[in-house]
């Protein structure tokens, strides 16, 4: 069974009925992200789904901010809204070789 965790802003948008953001999917499998670089528009939400049999911990850094997913167990999806233009680095605190870049236009 997959469990979804909505970050605060994504949950607020979903509950308010605002549907202007696109959702992009990134899979975490074989201790790697499914893409190394993703280009999204400001306001888009990226869903990171842990398809590995081990836990992950996403750290998203950029524009002076850091988002920490906390422990992301197998089968759990973490949704991260990207509200500001810029380049963001996504890593796994547990598996430091897991890296990707999100470019927000």
N, C-alpha and C. Protein backbone atom coordinates (compact mmCIF):
# COMPACT_ATOMS: atom_id res chain seq x y z
N UNK A 1 0.84 -1.17 0.00
CA UNK A 1 0.00 0.00 0.00
C UNK A 1 0.89 1.23 0.00
N UNK A 2 0.60 2.19 -0.87
CA UNK A 2 1.37 3.43 -0.91
C UNK A 2 0.72 4.46 -0.01
N UNK A 3 1.56 5.18 0.69
CA UNK A 3 1.11 6.25 1.58
C UNK A 3 1.63 7.55 0.99
N UNK A 4 0.82 8.59 1.02
CA UNK A 4 1.25 9.89 0.50
C UNK A 4 1.34 10.88 1.64
N UNK A 5 2.45 11.60 1.68
CA UNK A 5 2.63 12.67 2.65
C UNK A 5 2.62 13.98 1.89
N UNK A 6 1.71 14.86 2.22
CA UNK A 6 1.67 16.17 1.58
C UNK A 6 2.41 17.16 2.44
N UNK A 7 3.31 17.91 1.82
CA UNK A 7 3.97 18.97 2.57
C UNK A 7 2.93 20.04 2.88
N UNK A 8 3.21 20.92 3.81
CA UNK A 8 2.24 21.92 4.27
C UNK A 8 1.59 22.71 3.17
N UNK A 9 2.37 23.25 2.24
CA UNK A 9 1.80 24.08 1.18
C UNK A 9 0.99 23.24 0.21
N UNK A 10 1.49 22.06 -0.14
CA UNK A 10 0.74 21.20 -1.06
C UNK A 10 -0.59 20.80 -0.44
N UNK A 11 -0.58 20.50 0.85
CA UNK A 11 -1.83 20.14 1.53
C UNK A 11 -2.79 21.31 1.55
N UNK A 12 -2.29 22.51 1.81
CA UNK A 12 -3.15 23.70 1.84
C UNK A 12 -3.76 23.96 0.47
N UNK A 13 -2.97 23.79 -0.60
CA UNK A 13 -3.49 23.98 -1.95
C UNK A 13 -4.56 22.94 -2.26
N UNK A 14 -4.30 21.70 -1.89
CA UNK A 14 -5.26 20.63 -2.17
C UNK A 14 -6.56 20.87 -1.42
N UNK A 15 -6.47 21.29 -0.17
CA UNK A 15 -7.67 21.50 0.63
C UNK A 15 -8.44 22.74 0.19
N UNK A 16 -7.77 23.73 -0.38
CA UNK A 16 -8.43 24.95 -0.80
C UNK A 16 -9.09 24.81 -2.17
N UNK A 17 -8.79 23.71 -2.86
CA UNK A 17 -9.38 23.50 -4.17
C UNK A 17 -8.63 24.18 -5.29
N UNK A 18 -7.48 24.78 -5.02
CA UNK A 18 -6.69 25.43 -6.06
C UNK A 18 -5.95 24.34 -6.84
N UNK A 19 -6.13 24.31 -8.12
CA UNK A 19 -5.54 23.24 -8.94
C UNK A 19 -4.69 23.79 -10.07
N UNK A 20 -3.97 24.86 -9.85
CA UNK A 20 -3.19 25.47 -10.90
C UNK A 20 -1.82 24.85 -11.09
N UNK A 21 -1.35 24.07 -10.15
CA UNK A 21 -0.01 23.51 -10.22
C UNK A 21 -0.03 22.16 -10.93
N UNK A 22 1.01 21.92 -11.72
CA UNK A 22 1.19 20.61 -12.34
C UNK A 22 1.94 19.73 -11.35
N UNK A 23 1.75 18.44 -11.45
CA UNK A 23 2.48 17.50 -10.60
C UNK A 23 3.40 16.66 -11.47
N UNK A 24 4.66 16.63 -11.10
CA UNK A 24 5.67 15.85 -11.81
C UNK A 24 6.09 14.70 -10.90
N UNK A 25 6.39 13.55 -11.48
CA UNK A 25 6.74 12.37 -10.69
C UNK A 25 8.22 12.02 -10.84
N UNK A 26 8.85 11.74 -9.70
CA UNK A 26 10.23 11.24 -9.67
C UNK A 26 10.22 9.98 -8.82
N UNK A 27 10.74 8.90 -9.36
CA UNK A 27 10.80 7.64 -8.64
C UNK A 27 12.17 7.48 -8.00
N UNK A 28 12.18 6.86 -6.83
CA UNK A 28 13.43 6.52 -6.15
C UNK A 28 13.51 5.00 -6.15
N UNK A 29 14.43 4.46 -6.95
CA UNK A 29 14.55 3.02 -7.09
C UNK A 29 16.00 2.66 -7.36
N UNK A 30 16.44 1.55 -6.78
CA UNK A 30 17.82 1.10 -6.92
C UNK A 30 18.80 2.15 -6.39
N UNK A 31 18.41 2.81 -5.30
CA UNK A 31 19.22 3.85 -4.64
C UNK A 31 19.61 4.94 -5.64
N UNK A 32 18.64 5.36 -6.44
CA UNK A 32 18.86 6.43 -7.42
C UNK A 32 17.53 7.11 -7.73
N UNK A 33 17.60 8.35 -8.19
CA UNK A 33 16.42 9.04 -8.69
C UNK A 33 16.20 8.62 -10.15
N UNK A 34 14.96 8.63 -10.60
CA UNK A 34 14.66 8.21 -11.97
C UNK A 34 15.16 9.21 -13.01
N UNK A 35 15.42 10.44 -12.60
CA UNK A 35 15.98 11.46 -13.49
C UNK A 35 17.09 12.19 -12.74
N UNK A 36 18.06 12.72 -13.48
CA UNK A 36 19.13 13.48 -12.83
C UNK A 36 18.84 14.98 -12.84
N UNK A 37 17.97 15.40 -13.77
CA UNK A 37 17.63 16.82 -13.90
C UNK A 37 16.17 16.93 -14.33
N UNK A 38 15.46 17.82 -13.67
CA UNK A 38 14.04 18.02 -13.96
C UNK A 38 13.78 19.52 -14.07
N UNK A 39 13.10 19.93 -15.12
CA UNK A 39 12.75 21.34 -15.31
C UNK A 39 11.23 21.46 -15.09
N UNK A 40 10.85 22.35 -14.17
CA UNK A 40 9.45 22.57 -13.84
C UNK A 40 9.13 24.06 -13.88
N UNK A 41 7.85 24.37 -13.82
CA UNK A 41 7.44 25.77 -13.76
C UNK A 41 7.20 26.16 -12.30
N UNK A 42 7.34 27.43 -12.02
CA UNK A 42 7.09 27.94 -10.68
C UNK A 42 5.66 27.54 -10.26
N UNK A 43 5.55 26.95 -9.07
CA UNK A 43 4.26 26.49 -8.56
C UNK A 43 4.01 25.01 -8.76
N UNK A 44 4.83 24.35 -9.60
CA UNK A 44 4.65 22.92 -9.81
C UNK A 44 5.01 22.13 -8.56
N UNK A 45 4.42 20.96 -8.44
CA UNK A 45 4.68 20.05 -7.32
C UNK A 45 5.40 18.83 -7.86
N UNK A 46 6.48 18.44 -7.20
CA UNK A 46 7.21 17.24 -7.58
C UNK A 46 6.93 16.17 -6.53
N UNK A 47 6.44 15.02 -6.99
CA UNK A 47 6.17 13.90 -6.11
C UNK A 47 7.33 12.91 -6.19
N UNK A 48 7.99 12.69 -5.06
CA UNK A 48 9.10 11.75 -4.96
C UNK A 48 8.57 10.47 -4.30
N UNK A 49 8.52 9.37 -5.05
CA UNK A 49 7.99 8.11 -4.53
C UNK A 49 9.13 7.14 -4.25
N UNK A 50 9.16 6.63 -3.04
CA UNK A 50 10.20 5.68 -2.64
C UNK A 50 9.76 4.28 -3.07
N UNK A 51 10.36 3.79 -4.14
CA UNK A 51 10.08 2.43 -4.63
C UNK A 51 11.17 1.45 -4.22
N UNK A 52 12.07 1.89 -3.37
CA UNK A 52 13.14 1.02 -2.86
C UNK A 52 12.64 0.25 -1.63
N UNK A 53 13.31 -0.85 -1.30
CA UNK A 53 12.96 -1.58 -0.09
C UNK A 53 13.59 -0.97 1.18
N UNK A 54 14.28 0.14 1.02
CA UNK A 54 14.94 0.82 2.14
C UNK A 54 14.43 2.26 2.25
N UNK A 55 14.61 2.86 3.39
CA UNK A 55 14.15 4.24 3.61
C UNK A 55 15.10 5.25 2.97
N UNK A 56 14.55 6.43 2.70
CA UNK A 56 15.32 7.57 2.19
C UNK A 56 15.00 8.78 3.06
N UNK A 57 15.79 9.85 2.90
CA UNK A 57 15.53 11.12 3.57
C UNK A 57 15.94 12.21 2.58
N UNK A 58 14.94 12.85 1.97
CA UNK A 58 15.22 13.86 0.96
C UNK A 58 15.58 15.19 1.58
N UNK A 59 16.62 15.81 1.05
CA UNK A 59 16.98 17.18 1.40
C UNK A 59 16.96 17.98 0.11
N UNK A 60 16.14 19.02 0.09
CA UNK A 60 16.03 19.89 -1.07
C UNK A 60 16.58 21.25 -0.66
N UNK A 61 17.64 21.70 -1.35
CA UNK A 61 18.28 22.96 -0.98
C UNK A 61 18.37 23.87 -2.20
N UNK A 62 18.21 25.16 -1.93
CA UNK A 62 18.33 26.15 -2.98
C UNK A 62 17.67 27.44 -2.56
N UNK A 63 18.12 28.54 -3.10
CA UNK A 63 17.57 29.85 -2.82
C UNK A 63 17.51 30.14 -1.32
N UNK A 64 18.52 29.66 -0.59
CA UNK A 64 18.61 29.92 0.84
C UNK A 64 17.67 29.11 1.70
N UNK A 65 16.97 28.15 1.11
CA UNK A 65 16.01 27.34 1.87
C UNK A 65 16.40 25.87 1.84
N UNK A 66 15.96 25.14 2.86
CA UNK A 66 16.14 23.70 2.92
C UNK A 66 14.83 23.04 3.30
N UNK A 67 14.44 22.02 2.54
CA UNK A 67 13.26 21.21 2.86
C UNK A 67 13.76 19.81 3.18
N UNK A 68 13.34 19.27 4.30
CA UNK A 68 13.73 17.94 4.76
C UNK A 68 12.47 17.08 4.80
N UNK A 69 12.46 16.00 4.05
CA UNK A 69 11.29 15.12 4.00
C UNK A 69 11.11 14.31 5.27
N UNK A 70 12.16 14.24 6.09
CA UNK A 70 12.11 13.31 7.21
C UNK A 70 12.31 11.90 6.66
N UNK A 71 12.16 10.91 7.51
CA UNK A 71 12.35 9.53 7.09
C UNK A 71 11.23 9.13 6.12
N UNK A 72 11.61 8.76 4.93
CA UNK A 72 10.65 8.36 3.89
C UNK A 72 10.75 6.85 3.71
N UNK A 73 9.81 6.15 4.29
CA UNK A 73 9.83 4.68 4.26
C UNK A 73 9.44 4.16 2.88
N UNK A 74 9.74 2.89 2.61
CA UNK A 74 9.35 2.29 1.32
C UNK A 74 7.85 2.45 1.07
N UNK A 75 7.52 2.79 -0.19
CA UNK A 75 6.13 2.95 -0.57
C UNK A 75 5.53 4.31 -0.28
N UNK A 76 6.29 5.19 0.34
CA UNK A 76 5.78 6.51 0.72
C UNK A 76 6.15 7.53 -0.36
N UNK A 77 5.20 8.42 -0.68
CA UNK A 77 5.44 9.51 -1.62
C UNK A 77 5.52 10.82 -0.84
N UNK A 78 6.51 11.66 -1.20
CA UNK A 78 6.67 12.97 -0.59
C UNK A 78 6.45 14.01 -1.67
N UNK A 79 5.57 14.97 -1.42
CA UNK A 79 5.27 16.01 -2.41
C UNK A 79 5.92 17.32 -1.99
N UNK A 80 6.68 17.90 -2.93
CA UNK A 80 7.38 19.16 -2.67
C UNK A 80 6.95 20.20 -3.71
N UNK A 81 6.32 21.28 -3.26
CA UNK A 81 5.99 22.36 -4.19
C UNK A 81 7.21 23.26 -4.40
N UNK A 82 7.44 23.68 -5.62
CA UNK A 82 8.55 24.58 -5.94
C UNK A 82 7.94 25.93 -6.32
N UNK A 83 7.97 26.86 -5.38
CA UNK A 83 7.27 28.13 -5.51
C UNK A 83 8.13 29.28 -6.01
N UNK A 84 9.46 29.11 -6.02
CA UNK A 84 10.35 30.19 -6.45
C UNK A 84 11.24 29.69 -7.57
N UNK A 85 11.47 30.57 -8.56
CA UNK A 85 12.39 30.23 -9.64
C UNK A 85 13.79 30.03 -9.09
N UNK A 86 14.53 29.16 -9.73
CA UNK A 86 15.91 28.92 -9.30
C UNK A 86 16.31 27.49 -9.55
N UNK A 87 17.50 27.14 -9.08
CA UNK A 87 18.04 25.79 -9.21
C UNK A 87 18.14 25.18 -7.83
N UNK A 88 17.60 23.98 -7.68
CA UNK A 88 17.55 23.29 -6.41
C UNK A 88 18.27 21.95 -6.52
N UNK A 89 18.99 21.62 -5.47
CA UNK A 89 19.69 20.34 -5.39
C UNK A 89 18.87 19.42 -4.49
N UNK A 90 18.67 18.19 -4.96
CA UNK A 90 17.94 17.19 -4.18
C UNK A 90 18.91 16.05 -3.89
N UNK A 91 19.06 15.72 -2.61
CA UNK A 91 19.93 14.62 -2.20
C UNK A 91 19.20 13.75 -1.19
N UNK A 92 19.76 12.59 -0.94
CA UNK A 92 19.26 11.71 0.11
C UNK A 92 20.30 11.74 1.23
N UNK A 93 19.86 12.11 2.43
CA UNK A 93 20.78 12.18 3.57
C UNK A 93 21.31 10.80 3.96
N UNK A 94 20.58 9.76 3.61
CA UNK A 94 21.00 8.40 3.94
C UNK A 94 21.94 7.84 2.88
N UNK A 95 21.67 8.19 1.62
CA UNK A 95 22.46 7.69 0.49
C UNK A 95 23.00 8.90 -0.29
N UNK A 96 24.14 9.45 0.13
CA UNK A 96 24.66 10.70 -0.45
C UNK A 96 24.95 10.66 -1.95
N UNK A 97 25.07 9.47 -2.54
CA UNK A 97 25.30 9.39 -3.99
C UNK A 97 24.02 9.66 -4.77
N UNK A 98 22.87 9.66 -4.09
CA UNK A 98 21.60 9.98 -4.73
C UNK A 98 21.49 11.49 -4.85
N UNK A 99 21.63 12.01 -6.04
CA UNK A 99 21.52 13.45 -6.25
C UNK A 99 20.75 13.72 -7.54
N UNK A 100 20.09 14.87 -7.56
CA UNK A 100 19.44 15.34 -8.77
C UNK A 100 19.29 16.85 -8.66
N UNK A 101 18.95 17.50 -9.77
CA UNK A 101 18.75 18.92 -9.82
C UNK A 101 17.34 19.21 -10.32
N UNK A 102 16.67 20.17 -9.68
CA UNK A 102 15.38 20.65 -10.14
C UNK A 102 15.56 22.12 -10.52
N UNK A 103 15.26 22.45 -11.76
CA UNK A 103 15.33 23.82 -12.25
C UNK A 103 13.90 24.34 -12.34
N UNK A 104 13.64 25.44 -11.64
CA UNK A 104 12.30 26.04 -11.62
C UNK A 104 12.33 27.30 -12.45
N UNK A 105 11.49 27.34 -13.49
CA UNK A 105 11.44 28.50 -14.39
C UNK A 105 10.32 29.43 -14.03
